[in-house]
Amino acid sequence: MLVETNLGEGGGVTTFIVEPLAEGKRTEVTITTESATRRSGVSGSVERLLTKVFLQRIYKAELKQLAQVCEGASRLGVKAS
């Protein structure tokens, strides 16, 4: 587990959890972010929606990069420990 804390405005906390599956042949990666909404009411709802859409795009890109690194390591015969 890796926890990343944004020390700037908003102070979000992102957690990355990597769990081995199928006797180490597969891996499940979970990424979650918790942050405070600065607005209330309709503005807060819109902010939460936009944040969710934005973070999903970032998570998808991060997972793609992670998969590429793992596939490259696998081709080179590198084994995770």
Protein backbone atom coordinates (compact mmCIF):
# COMPACT_ATOMS: atom_id res chain seq x y z
CA MET A 1 0.00 0.00 0.00
CA LEU A 2 1.20 3.47 -0.92
CA VAL A 3 -0.46 6.60 0.45
CA GLU A 4 0.10 9.95 -1.26
CA THR A 5 -0.99 13.13 0.53
CA ASN A 6 -1.50 16.44 -1.26
CA LEU A 7 -0.15 19.09 1.08
CA GLY A 8 -1.55 21.91 -1.06
CA GLU A 9 -5.03 23.33 -1.24
CA GLY A 10 -7.69 20.65 -0.86
CA GLY A 11 -5.36 18.21 0.91
CA GLY A 12 -6.51 15.08 -0.93
CA VAL A 13 -5.21 11.64 0.04
CA THR A 14 -4.71 8.98 -2.65
CA THR A 15 -4.19 5.34 -1.70
CA PHE A 16 -2.72 2.72 -4.03
CA ILE A 17 -3.28 -0.91 -3.03
CA VAL A 18 -1.58 -3.72 -4.97
CA GLU A 19 -2.80 -7.26 -4.28
CA PRO A 20 -1.36 -10.39 -5.89
CA LEU A 21 -3.85 -12.88 -7.35
CA ALA A 22 -3.62 -16.34 -8.92
CA GLU A 23 -0.41 -17.23 -7.06
CA GLY A 24 1.32 -14.07 -8.25
CA LYS A 25 0.39 -14.45 -11.91
CA ARG A 26 -2.08 -11.55 -11.79
CA THR A 27 -2.39 -8.41 -9.75
CA GLU A 28 -5.30 -6.25 -8.71
CA VAL A 29 -4.57 -2.55 -8.26
CA THR A 30 -7.02 -0.30 -6.41
CA ILE A 31 -6.63 3.48 -6.48
CA THR A 32 -8.81 5.69 -4.30
CA THR A 33 -8.75 9.40 -3.56
CA GLU A 34 -10.46 11.21 -0.73
CA SER A 35 -10.67 14.96 -0.67
CA ALA A 36 -12.92 17.64 0.74
CA THR A 37 -15.39 19.48 -1.46
CA ARG A 38 -14.90 23.22 -1.15
CA ARG A 39 -18.43 24.08 -2.21
CA SER A 40 -21.86 23.13 -0.97
CA GLY A 41 -25.23 22.67 -2.66
CA VAL A 42 -25.42 22.38 -6.44
CA SER A 43 -21.89 23.76 -6.89
CA GLY A 44 -20.55 21.05 -4.57
CA SER A 45 -22.41 18.35 -6.51
CA VAL A 46 -20.97 19.62 -9.79
CA GLU A 47 -17.48 19.78 -8.25
CA ARG A 48 -17.73 16.17 -7.01
CA LEU A 49 -18.95 14.96 -10.42
CA LEU A 50 -16.20 16.75 -12.33
CA THR A 51 -13.56 15.55 -9.87
CA LYS A 52 -14.75 11.95 -10.27
CA VAL A 53 -14.61 12.17 -14.09
CA PHE A 54 -11.16 13.82 -13.98
CA LEU A 55 -9.73 11.26 -11.54
CA GLN A 56 -11.09 8.31 -13.53
CA ARG A 57 -9.13 9.52 -16.56
CA ILE A 58 -5.97 9.87 -14.47
CA TYR A 59 -6.43 6.43 -12.88
CA LYS A 60 -6.95 4.81 -16.27
CA ALA A 61 -3.71 6.37 -17.57
CA GLU A 62 -1.79 5.33 -14.44
CA LEU A 63 -3.04 1.74 -14.69
CA LYS A 64 -2.07 1.62 -18.37
CA GLN A 65 1.46 2.82 -17.55
CA LEU A 66 1.74 0.31 -14.71
CA ALA A 67 0.65 -2.52 -17.03
CA GLN A 68 3.27 -1.47 -19.59
CA VAL A 69 6.02 -1.49 -16.97
CA CYS A 70 4.94 -4.91 -15.68
CA GLU A 71 4.74 -6.38 -19.18
CA GLY A 72 8.20 -5.04 -20.00
CA ALA A 73 9.63 -6.48 -16.78
CA SER A 74 7.98 -9.82 -17.52
CA ARG A 75 9.56 -9.95 -20.99
CA LEU A 76 12.96 -9.32 -19.38
CA GLY A 77 12.40 -12.13 -16.89
CA VAL A 78 12.17 -9.83 -13.86
CA LYS A 79 10.10 -11.37 -11.09
CA ALA A 80 8.28 -9.37 -8.43
CA SER A 81 9.10 -10.15 -4.83
